[in-house]
Amino acid sequence: MIQTGQGLLSEGGYQQADIGRMLQDLNLMWEKLISLSHEKGHRLQQAAAQHSYNRTMDDVHLKLEEMELSLQSCEVGTDMRHCKELLKKHQVTSAVEA
């Protein structure tokens, strides 16, 4: 479209001033569209990063709640198997804290 408009300008038609204004307006709108597209892309990248951060923080909060419940537990084993399970939970919690 721009090439066609430039061709008309070079021919020196009777509406040369109107064509020149239209080409200038078209170029400005095109530049604005490109700028807005880049801006939107940047905002989408920020939104994706924020979403990823929020999911990570949700996972951390869940893990901390699990650890807190585990540490607040006053449960003692009733048999060897139960004691080993509790010991394993304790070791996992201790390993995460370190």
PDB file of N, CA and C in Angstrom:
ATOM      1  N   MET A   1       0.824  -1.175   0.000  1.00  0.00           N
ATOM      2  CA  MET A   1       0.000   0.000   0.000  1.00  0.00           C
ATOM      3  C   MET A   1       0.877   1.250   0.000  1.00  0.00           C
ATOM      4  N   ILE A   2       1.939   1.209   0.795  1.00  0.00           N
ATOM      5  CA  ILE A   2       2.843   2.363   0.858  1.00  0.00           C
ATOM      6  C   ILE A   2       3.540   2.545  -0.483  1.00  0.00           C
ATOM      7  N   GLN A   3       3.939   1.441  -1.091  1.00  0.00           N
ATOM      8  CA  GLN A   3       4.606   1.535  -2.401  1.00  0.00           C
ATOM      9  C   GLN A   3       3.662   2.128  -3.446  1.00  0.00           C
ATOM     10  N   THR A   4       2.404   1.728  -3.403  1.00  0.00           N
ATOM     11  CA  THR A   4       1.420   2.265  -4.333  1.00  0.00           C
ATOM     12  C   THR A   4       1.257   3.765  -4.118  1.00  0.00           C
ATOM     13  N   GLY A   5       1.161   4.174  -2.864  1.00  0.00           N
ATOM     14  CA  GLY A   5       1.041   5.595  -2.541  1.00  0.00           C
ATOM     15  C   GLY A   5       2.259   6.375  -2.984  1.00  0.00           C
ATOM     16  N   GLN A   6       3.450   5.816  -2.785  1.00  0.00           N
ATOM     17  CA  GLN A   6       4.667   6.495  -3.210  1.00  0.00           C
ATOM     18  C   GLN A   6       4.729   6.583  -4.737  1.00  0.00           C
ATOM     19  N   GLY A   7       4.219   5.533  -5.379  1.00  0.00           N
ATOM     20  CA  GLY A   7       4.156   5.579  -6.843  1.00  0.00           C
ATOM     21  C   GLY A   7       3.251   6.692  -7.321  1.00  0.00           C
ATOM     22  N   LEU A   8       2.097   6.857  -6.670  1.00  0.00           N
ATOM     23  CA  LEU A   8       1.187   7.937  -7.033  1.00  0.00           C
ATOM     24  C   LEU A   8       1.818   9.304  -6.783  1.00  0.00           C
ATOM     25  N   LEU A   9       2.579   9.418  -5.699  1.00  0.00           N
ATOM     26  CA  LEU A   9       3.249  10.689  -5.413  1.00  0.00           C
ATOM     27  C   LEU A   9       4.290  11.012  -6.479  1.00  0.00           C
ATOM     28  N   SER A  10       5.025   9.995  -6.913  1.00  0.00           N
ATOM     29  CA  SER A  10       6.064  10.229  -7.912  1.00  0.00           C
ATOM     30  C   SER A  10       5.466  10.589  -9.276  1.00  0.00           C
ATOM     31  N   GLU A  11       4.246  10.133  -9.524  1.00  0.00           N
ATOM     32  CA  GLU A  11       3.583  10.479 -10.784  1.00  0.00           C
ATOM     33  C   GLU A  11       3.106  11.931 -10.784  1.00  0.00           C
ATOM     34  N   GLY A  12       2.963  12.475  -9.604  1.00  0.00           N
ATOM     35  CA  GLY A  12       2.553  13.873  -9.505  1.00  0.00           C
ATOM     36  C   GLY A  12       1.082  14.082  -9.804  1.00  0.00           C
ATOM     37  N   GLY A  13       0.233  13.242  -9.256  1.00  0.00           N
ATOM     38  CA  GLY A  13      -1.207  13.350  -9.482  1.00  0.00           C
ATOM     39  C   GLY A  13      -1.802  14.612  -8.879  1.00  0.00           C
ATOM     40  N   TYR A  14      -3.048  14.838  -9.153  1.00  0.00           N
ATOM     41  CA  TYR A  14      -3.710  16.067  -8.705  1.00  0.00           C
ATOM     42  C   TYR A  14      -4.024  16.061  -7.215  1.00  0.00           C
ATOM     43  N   GLN A  15      -4.049  14.905  -6.586  1.00  0.00           N
ATOM     44  CA  GLN A  15      -4.309  14.840  -5.140  1.00  0.00           C
ATOM     45  C   GLN A  15      -3.045  14.459  -4.373  1.00  0.00           C
ATOM     46  N   GLN A  16      -1.948  14.972  -4.813  1.00  0.00           N
ATOM     47  CA  GLN A  16      -0.652  14.623  -4.237  1.00  0.00           C
ATOM     48  C   GLN A  16      -0.590  14.964  -2.734  1.00  0.00           C
ATOM     49  N   ALA A  17      -1.117  16.084  -2.348  1.00  0.00           N
ATOM     50  CA  ALA A  17      -1.076  16.488  -0.936  1.00  0.00           C
ATOM     51  C   ALA A  17      -1.897  15.532  -0.082  1.00  0.00           C
ATOM     52  N   ASP A  18      -3.073  15.132  -0.578  1.00  0.00           N
ATOM     53  CA  ASP A  18      -3.913  14.195   0.175  1.00  0.00           C
ATOM     54  C   ASP A  18      -3.249  12.832   0.303  1.00  0.00           C
ATOM     55  N   ILE A  19      -2.646  12.394  -0.774  1.00  0.00           N
ATOM     56  CA  ILE A  19      -1.965  11.093  -0.754  1.00  0.00           C
ATOM     57  C   ILE A  19      -0.790  11.138   0.213  1.00  0.00           C
ATOM     58  N   GLY A  20      -0.046  12.225   0.206  1.00  0.00           N
ATOM     59  CA  GLY A  20       1.088  12.382   1.129  1.00  0.00           C
ATOM     60  C   GLY A  20       0.637  12.339   2.577  1.00  0.00           C
ATOM     61  N   ARG A  21      -0.473  13.019   2.893  1.00  0.00           N
ATOM     62  CA  ARG A  21      -1.007  13.003   4.260  1.00  0.00           C
ATOM     63  C   ARG A  21      -1.474  11.603   4.651  1.00  0.00           C
ATOM     64  N   MET A  22      -2.131  10.946   3.704  1.00  0.00           N
ATOM     65  CA  MET A  22      -2.615   9.596   3.991  1.00  0.00           C
ATOM     66  C   MET A  22      -1.455   8.628   4.247  1.00  0.00           C
ATOM     67  N   LEU A  23      -0.396   8.749   3.452  1.00  0.00           N
ATOM     68  CA  LEU A  23       0.779   7.899   3.670  1.00  0.00           C
ATOM     69  C   LEU A  23       1.431   8.185   5.010  1.00  0.00           C
ATOM     70  N   GLN A  24       1.510   9.458   5.347  1.00  0.00           N
ATOM     71  CA  GLN A  24       2.095   9.840   6.637  1.00  0.00           C
ATOM     72  C   GLN A  24       1.247   9.290   7.790  1.00  0.00           C
ATOM     73  N   ASP A  25      -0.068   9.435   7.676  1.00  0.00           N
ATOM     74  CA  ASP A  25      -0.966   8.892   8.709  1.00  0.00           C
ATOM     75  C   ASP A  25      -0.842   7.381   8.805  1.00  0.00           C
ATOM     76  N   LEU A  26      -0.753   6.730   7.651  1.00  0.00           N
ATOM     77  CA  LEU A  26      -0.608   5.276   7.623  1.00  0.00           C
ATOM     78  C   LEU A  26       0.685   4.839   8.299  1.00  0.00           C
ATOM     79  N   ASN A  27       1.776   5.545   8.023  1.00  0.00           N
ATOM     80  CA  ASN A  27       3.056   5.223   8.662  1.00  0.00           C
ATOM     81  C   ASN A  27       2.989   5.431  10.171  1.00  0.00           C
ATOM     82  N   LEU A  28       2.346   6.511  10.604  1.00  0.00           N
ATOM     83  CA  LEU A  28       2.215   6.769  12.042  1.00  0.00           C
ATOM     84  C   LEU A  28       1.382   5.683  12.726  1.00  0.00           C
ATOM     85  N   MET A  29       0.283   5.307  12.080  1.00  0.00           N
ATOM     86  CA  MET A  29      -0.551   4.254  12.669  1.00  0.00           C
ATOM     87  C   MET A  29       0.199   2.928  12.717  1.00  0.00           C
ATOM     88  N   TRP A  30       0.985   2.652  11.689  1.00  0.00           N
ATOM     89  CA  TRP A  30       1.760   1.410  11.657  1.00  0.00           C
ATOM     90  C   TRP A  30       2.796   1.394  12.782  1.00  0.00           C
ATOM     91  N   GLU A  31       3.489   2.507  12.976  1.00  0.00           N
ATOM     92  CA  GLU A  31       4.471   2.599  14.055  1.00  0.00           C
ATOM     93  C   GLU A  31       3.799   2.457  15.418  1.00  0.00           C
ATOM     94  N   LYS A  32       2.625   3.044  15.562  1.00  0.00           N
ATOM     95  CA  LYS A  32       1.892   2.929  16.826  1.00  0.00           C
ATOM     96  C   LYS A  32       1.475   1.479  17.070  1.00  0.00           C
ATOM     97  N   LEU A  33       1.028   0.803  16.012  1.00  0.00           N
ATOM     98  CA  LEU A  33       0.648  -0.599  16.132  1.00  0.00           C
ATOM     99  C   LEU A  33       1.830  -1.462  16.551  1.00  0.00           C
ATOM    100  N   ILE A  34       2.979  -1.233  15.957  1.00  0.00           N
ATOM    101  CA  ILE A  34       4.183  -1.982  16.315  1.00  0.00           C
ATOM    102  C   ILE A  34       4.556  -1.712  17.776  1.00  0.00           C
ATOM    103  N   SER A  35       4.503  -0.437  18.171  1.00  0.00           N
ATOM    104  CA  SER A  35       4.823  -0.067  19.553  1.00  0.00           C
ATOM    105  C   SER A  35       3.865  -0.735  20.540  1.00  0.00           C
ATOM    106  N   LEU A  36       2.576  -0.686  20.242  1.00  0.00           N
ATOM    107  CA  LEU A  36       1.589  -1.319  21.119  1.00  0.00           C
ATOM    108  C   LEU A  36       1.771  -2.828  21.173  1.00  0.00           C
ATOM    109  N   SER A  37       2.138  -3.413  20.048  1.00  0.00           N
ATOM    110  CA  SER A  37       2.369  -4.857  20.002  1.00  0.00           C
ATOM    111  C   SER A  37       3.554  -5.247  20.888  1.00  0.00           C
ATOM    112  N   HIS A  38       4.638  -4.468  20.810  1.00  0.00           N
ATOM    113  CA  HIS A  38       5.798  -4.734  21.669  1.00  0.00           C
ATOM    114  C   HIS A  38       5.447  -4.557  23.142  1.00  0.00           C
ATOM    115  N   GLU A  39       4.692  -3.506  23.432  1.00  0.00           N
ATOM    116  CA  GLU A  39       4.286  -3.241  24.814  1.00  0.00           C
ATOM    117  C   GLU A  39       3.416  -4.384  25.358  1.00  0.00           C
ATOM    118  N   LYS A  40       2.490  -4.852  24.530  1.00  0.00           N
ATOM    119  CA  LYS A  40       1.626  -5.953  24.963  1.00  0.00           C
ATOM    120  C   LYS A  40       2.443  -7.225  25.177  1.00  0.00           C
ATOM    121  N   GLY A  41       3.398  -7.471  24.287  1.00  0.00           N
ATOM    122  CA  GLY A  41       4.269  -8.633  24.452  1.00  0.00           C
ATOM    123  C   GLY A  41       5.043  -8.560  25.760  1.00  0.00           C
ATOM    124  N   HIS A  42       5.539  -7.374  26.084  1.00  0.00           N
ATOM    125  CA  HIS A  42       6.267  -7.177  27.343  1.00  0.00           C
ATOM    126  C   HIS A  42       5.357  -7.424  28.547  1.00  0.00           C
ATOM    127  N   ARG A  43       4.131  -6.904  28.472  1.00  0.00           N
ATOM    128  CA  ARG A  43       3.183  -7.122  29.577  1.00  0.00           C
ATOM    129  C   ARG A  43       2.817  -8.597  29.714  1.00  0.00           C
ATOM    130  N   LEU A  44       2.686  -9.297  28.594  1.00  0.00           N
ATOM    131  CA  LEU A  44       2.385 -10.733  28.652  1.00  0.00           C
ATOM    132  C   LEU A  44       3.536 -11.510  29.281  1.00  0.00           C
ATOM    133  N   GLN A  45       4.771 -11.114  28.958  1.00  0.00           N
ATOM    134  CA  GLN A  45       5.924 -11.763  29.588  1.00  0.00           C
ATOM    135  C   GLN A  45       5.936 -11.507  31.089  1.00  0.00           C
ATOM    136  N   GLN A  46       5.624 -10.295  31.487  1.00  0.00           N
ATOM    137  CA  GLN A  46       5.567  -9.981  32.913  1.00  0.00           C
ATOM    138  C   GLN A  46       4.461 -10.784  33.597  1.00  0.00           C
ATOM    139  N   ALA A  47       3.320 -10.905  32.935  1.00  0.00           N
ATOM    140  CA  ALA A  47       2.207 -11.667  33.513  1.00  0.00           C
ATOM    141  C   ALA A  47       2.574 -13.140  33.655  1.00  0.00           C
ATOM    142  N   ALA A  48       3.266 -13.684  32.663  1.00  0.00           N
ATOM    143  CA  ALA A  48       3.682 -15.089  32.742  1.00  0.00           C
ATOM    144  C   ALA A  48       4.681 -15.289  33.880  1.00  0.00           C
ATOM    145  N   ALA A  49       5.606 -14.361  34.030  1.00  0.00           N
ATOM    146  CA  ALA A  49       6.577 -14.452  35.124  1.00  0.00           C
ATOM    147  C   ALA A  49       5.882 -14.343  36.476  1.00  0.00           C
ATOM    148  N   GLN A  50       4.916 -13.435  36.586  1.00  0.00           N
ATOM    149  CA  GLN A  50       4.167 -13.280  37.835  1.00  0.00           C
ATOM    150  C   GLN A  50       3.366 -14.533  38.147  1.00  0.00           C
ATOM    151  N   HIS A  51       2.751 -15.116  37.125  1.00  0.00           N
ATOM    152  CA  HIS A  51       1.974 -16.339  37.314  1.00  0.00           C
ATOM    153  C   HIS A  51       2.880 -17.473  37.805  1.00  0.00           C
ATOM    154  N   SER A  52       4.045 -17.596  37.199  1.00  0.00           N
ATOM    155  CA  SER A  52       4.997 -18.622  37.625  1.00  0.00           C
ATOM    156  C   SER A  52       5.440 -18.387  39.073  1.00  0.00           C
ATOM    157  N   TYR A  53       5.714 -17.138  39.401  1.00  0.00           N
ATOM    158  CA  TYR A  53       6.110 -16.795  40.767  1.00  0.00           C
ATOM    159  C   TYR A  53       4.994 -17.131  41.754  1.00  0.00           C
ATOM    160  N   ASN A  54       3.757 -16.790  41.395  1.00  0.00           N
ATOM    161  CA  ASN A  54       2.617 -17.071  42.287  1.00  0.00           C
ATOM    162  C   ASN A  54       2.457 -18.567  42.513  1.00  0.00           C
ATOM    163  N   ARG A  55       2.614 -19.365  41.473  1.00  0.00           N
ATOM    164  CA  ARG A  55       2.501 -20.825  41.614  1.00  0.00           C
ATOM    165  C   ARG A  55       3.613 -21.363  42.514  1.00  0.00           C
ATOM    166  N   THR A  56       4.814 -20.833  42.335  1.00  0.00           N
ATOM    167  CA  THR A  56       5.928 -21.260  43.178  1.00  0.00           C
ATOM    168  C   THR A  56       5.664 -20.907  44.634  1.00  0.00           C
ATOM    169  N   MET A  57       5.157 -19.696  44.862  1.00  0.00           N
ATOM    170  CA  MET A  57       4.866 -19.273  46.230  1.00  0.00           C
ATOM    171  C   MET A  57       3.744 -20.113  46.841  1.00  0.00           C
ATOM    172  N   ASP A  58       2.749 -20.489  46.049  1.00  0.00           N
ATOM    173  CA  ASP A  58       1.689 -21.368  46.552  1.00  0.00           C
ATOM    174  C   ASP A  58       2.271 -22.716  46.973  1.00  0.00           C
ATOM    175  N   ASP A  59       3.182 -23.248  46.158  1.00  0.00           N
ATOM    176  CA  ASP A  59       3.829 -24.516  46.496  1.00  0.00           C
ATOM    177  C   ASP A  59       4.640 -24.393  47.785  1.00  0.00           C
ATOM    178  N   VAL A  60       5.342 -23.279  47.930  1.00  0.00           N
ATOM    179  CA  VAL A  60       6.148 -23.056  49.138  1.00  0.00           C
ATOM    180  C   VAL A  60       5.244 -22.960  50.367  1.00  0.00           C
ATOM    181  N   HIS A  61       4.135 -22.236  50.238  1.00  0.00           N
ATOM    182  CA  HIS A  61       3.205 -22.117  51.368  1.00  0.00           C
ATOM    183  C   HIS A  61       2.644 -23.482  51.770  1.00  0.00           C
ATOM    184  N   LEU A  62       2.294 -24.290  50.786  1.00  0.00           N
ATOM    185  CA  LEU A  62       1.790 -25.628  51.103  1.00  0.00           C
ATOM    186  C   LEU A  62       2.849 -26.466  51.807  1.00  0.00           C
ATOM    187  N   LYS A  63       4.069 -26.396  51.322  1.00  0.00           N
ATOM    188  CA  LYS A  63       5.154 -27.169  51.936  1.00  0.00           C
ATOM    189  C   LYS A  63       5.404 -26.690  53.363  1.00  0.00           C
ATOM    190  N   LEU A  64       5.371 -25.380  53.561  1.00  0.00           N
ATOM    191  CA  LEU A  64       5.570 -24.855  54.915  1.00  0.00           C
ATOM    192  C   LEU A  64       4.446 -25.273  55.857  1.00  0.00           C
ATOM    193  N   GLU A  65       3.221 -25.291  55.357  1.00  0.00           N
ATOM    194  CA  GLU A  65       2.095 -25.746  56.181  1.00  0.00           C
ATOM    195  C   GLU A  65       2.275 -27.213  56.559  1.00  0.00           C
ATOM    196  N   GLU A  66       2.717 -28.027  55.604  1.00  0.00           N
ATOM    197  CA  GLU A  66       2.963 -29.440  55.902  1.00  0.00           C
ATOM    198  C   GLU A  66       4.046 -29.588  56.961  1.00  0.00           C
ATOM    199  N   MET A  67       5.119 -28.810  56.819  1.00  0.00           N
ATOM    200  CA  MET A  67       6.214 -28.886  57.789  1.00  0.00           C
ATOM    201  C   MET A  67       5.746 -28.422  59.165  1.00  0.00           C
ATOM    202  N   GLU A  68       4.953 -27.362  59.198  1.00  0.00           N
ATOM    203  CA  GLU A  68       4.454 -26.844  60.470  1.00  0.00           C
ATOM    204  C   GLU A  68       3.575 -27.882  61.171  1.00  0.00           C
ATOM    205  N   LEU A  69       2.694 -28.520  60.420  1.00  0.00           N
ATOM    206  CA  LEU A  69       1.848 -29.566  61.006  1.00  0.00           C
ATOM    207  C   LEU A  69       2.696 -30.732  61.507  1.00  0.00           C
ATOM    208  N   SER A  70       3.706 -31.072  60.733  1.00  0.00           N
ATOM    209  CA  SER A  70       4.586 -32.167  61.132  1.00  0.00           C
ATOM    210  C   SER A  70       5.336 -31.823  62.417  1.00  0.00           C
ATOM    211  N   LEU A  71       5.805 -30.586  62.520  1.00  0.00           N
ATOM    212  CA  LEU A  71       6.558 -30.177  63.704  1.00  0.00           C
ATOM    213  C   LEU A  71       5.670 -30.006  64.933  1.00  0.00           C
ATOM    214  N   GLN A  72       4.398 -29.679  64.729  1.00  0.00           N
ATOM    215  CA  GLN A  72       3.485 -29.503  65.843  1.00  0.00           C
ATOM    216  C   GLN A  72       2.910 -30.822  66.334  1.00  0.00           C
ATOM    217  N   SER A  73       3.128 -31.860  65.594  1.00  0.00           N
ATOM    218  CA  SER A  73       2.550 -33.152  65.955  1.00  0.00           C
ATOM    219  C   SER A  73       3.220 -33.703  67.209  1.00  0.00           C
ATOM    220  N   CYS A  74       2.414 -34.172  68.097  1.00  0.00           N
ATOM    221  CA  CYS A  74       2.914 -34.799  69.323  1.00  0.00           C
ATOM    222  C   CYS A  74       2.784 -36.315  69.219  1.00  0.00           C
ATOM    223  N   GLU A  75       2.614 -36.787  68.014  1.00  0.00           N
ATOM    224  CA  GLU A  75       2.363 -38.205  67.783  1.00  0.00           C
ATOM    225  C   GLU A  75       3.610 -39.031  68.101  1.00  0.00           C
ATOM    226  N   VAL A  76       3.400 -40.125  68.788  1.00  0.00           N
ATOM    227  CA  VAL A  76       4.468 -41.083  69.065  1.00  0.00           C
ATOM    228  C   VAL A  76       4.041 -42.421  68.475  1.00  0.00           C
ATOM    229  N   GLY A  77       5.028 -43.179  68.079  1.00  0.00           N
ATOM    230  CA  GLY A  77       4.726 -44.454  67.436  1.00  0.00           C
ATOM    231  C   GLY A  77       4.154 -45.475  68.406  1.00  0.00           C
ATOM    232  N   THR A  78       3.265 -46.300  67.884  1.00  0.00           N
ATOM    233  CA  THR A  78       2.661 -47.338  68.707  1.00  0.00           C
ATOM    234  C   THR A  78       3.313 -48.696  68.454  1.00  0.00           C
ATOM    235  N   ASP A  79       3.922 -48.844  67.292  1.00  0.00           N
ATOM    236  CA  ASP A  79       4.650 -50.071  66.979  1.00  0.00           C
ATOM    237  C   ASP A  79       5.870 -49.703  66.136  1.00  0.00           C
ATOM    238  N   MET A  80       6.678 -50.688  65.800  1.00  0.00           N
ATOM    239  CA  MET A  80       7.927 -50.437  65.093  1.00  0.00           C
ATOM    240  C   MET A  80       7.681 -49.793  63.722  1.00  0.00           C
ATOM    241  N   ARG A  81       6.710 -50.290  62.992  1.00  0.00           N
ATOM    242  CA  ARG A  81       6.410 -49.746  61.663  1.00  0.00           C
ATOM    243  C   ARG A  81       5.989 -48.272  61.748  1.00  0.00           C
ATOM    244  N   HIS A  82       5.122 -47.978  62.691  1.00  0.00           N
ATOM    245  CA  HIS A  82       4.650 -46.606  62.883  1.00  0.00           C
ATOM    246  C   HIS A  82       5.803 -45.696  63.292  1.00  0.00           C
ATOM    247  N   CYS A  83       6.678 -46.176  64.161  1.00  0.00           N
ATOM    248  CA  CYS A  83       7.840 -45.393  64.596  1.00  0.00           C
ATOM    249  C   CYS A  83       8.764 -45.093  63.414  1.00  0.00           C
ATOM    250  N   LYS A  84       8.970 -46.085  62.550  1.00  0.00           N
ATOM    251  CA  LYS A  84       9.824 -45.876  61.378  1.00  0.00           C
ATOM    252  C   LYS A  84       9.209 -44.845  60.426  1.00  0.00           C
ATOM    253  N   GLU A  85       7.896 -44.878  60.271  1.00  0.00           N
ATOM    254  CA  GLU A  85       7.222 -43.883  59.423  1.00  0.00           C
ATOM    255  C   GLU A  85       7.388 -42.482  59.990  1.00  0.00           C
ATOM    256  N   LEU A  86       7.210 -42.351  61.293  1.00  0.00           N
ATOM    257  CA  LEU A  86       7.380 -41.048  61.938  1.00  0.00           C
ATOM    258  C   LEU A  86       8.832 -40.567  61.834  1.00  0.00           C
ATOM    259  N   LEU A  87       9.783 -41.479  62.009  1.00  0.00           N
ATOM    260  CA  LEU A  87      11.196 -41.134  61.900  1.00  0.00           C
ATOM    261  C   LEU A  87      11.515 -40.661  60.477  1.00  0.00           C
ATOM    262  N   LYS A  88      10.950 -41.348  59.498  1.00  0.00           N
ATOM    263  CA  LYS A  88      11.174 -40.961  58.102  1.00  0.00           C
ATOM    264  C   LYS A  88      10.613 -39.565  57.827  1.00  0.00           C
ATOM    265  N   LYS A  89       9.403 -39.275  58.321  1.00  0.00           N
ATOM    266  CA  LYS A  89       8.816 -37.941  58.166  1.00  0.00           C
ATOM    267  C   LYS A  89       9.703 -36.890  58.822  1.00  0.00           C
ATOM    268  N   HIS A  90      10.211 -37.208  60.004  1.00  0.00           N
ATOM    269  CA  HIS A  90      11.077 -36.282  60.716  1.00  0.00           C
ATOM    270  C   HIS A  90      12.361 -36.028  59.933  1.00  0.00           C
ATOM    271  N   GLN A  91      12.945 -37.088  59.380  1.00  0.00           N
ATOM    272  CA  GLN A  91      14.187 -36.935  58.613  1.00  0.00           C
ATOM    273  C   GLN A  91      13.963 -36.099  57.360  1.00  0.00           C
ATOM    274  N   VAL A  92      12.826 -36.290  56.703  1.00  0.00           N
ATOM    275  CA  VAL A  92      12.520 -35.473  55.520  1.00  0.00           C
ATOM    276  C   VAL A  92      12.359 -34.011  55.899  1.00  0.00           C
ATOM    277  N   THR A  93      11.641 -33.755  56.987  1.00  0.00           N
ATOM    278  CA  THR A  93      11.453 -32.388  57.453  1.00  0.00           C
ATOM    279  C   THR A  93      12.785 -31.766  57.850  1.00  0.00           C
ATOM    280  N   SER A  94      13.630 -32.511  58.536  1.00  0.00           N
ATOM    281  CA  SER A  94      14.929 -32.008  58.953  1.00  0.00           C
ATOM    282  C   SER A  94      15.826 -31.725  57.751  1.00  0.00           C
ATOM    283  N   ALA A  95      15.755 -32.574  56.728  1.00  0.00           N
ATOM    284  CA  ALA A  95      16.563 -32.381  55.536  1.00  0.00           C
ATOM    285  C   ALA A  95      16.138 -31.121  54.784  1.00  0.00           C
ATOM    286  N   VAL A  96      14.859 -30.829  54.761  1.00  0.00           N
ATOM    287  CA  VAL A  96      14.347 -29.645  54.073  1.00  0.00           C
ATOM    288  C   VAL A  96      14.785 -28.391  54.825  1.00  0.00           C
ATOM    289  N   GLU A  97      14.791 -28.434  56.142  1.00  0.00           N
ATOM    290  CA  GLU A  97      15.164 -27.278  56.937  1.00  0.00           C
ATOM    291  C   GLU A  97      16.637 -26.947  56.758  1.00  0.00           C
ATOM    292  N   ALA A  98      17.478 -27.952  56.575  1.00  0.00           N
ATOM    293  CA  ALA A  98      18.923 -27.736  56.459  1.00  0.00           C
ATOM    294  C   ALA A  98      19.270 -27.241  55.114  1.00  0.00           C
TER     295      ALA A  98
END
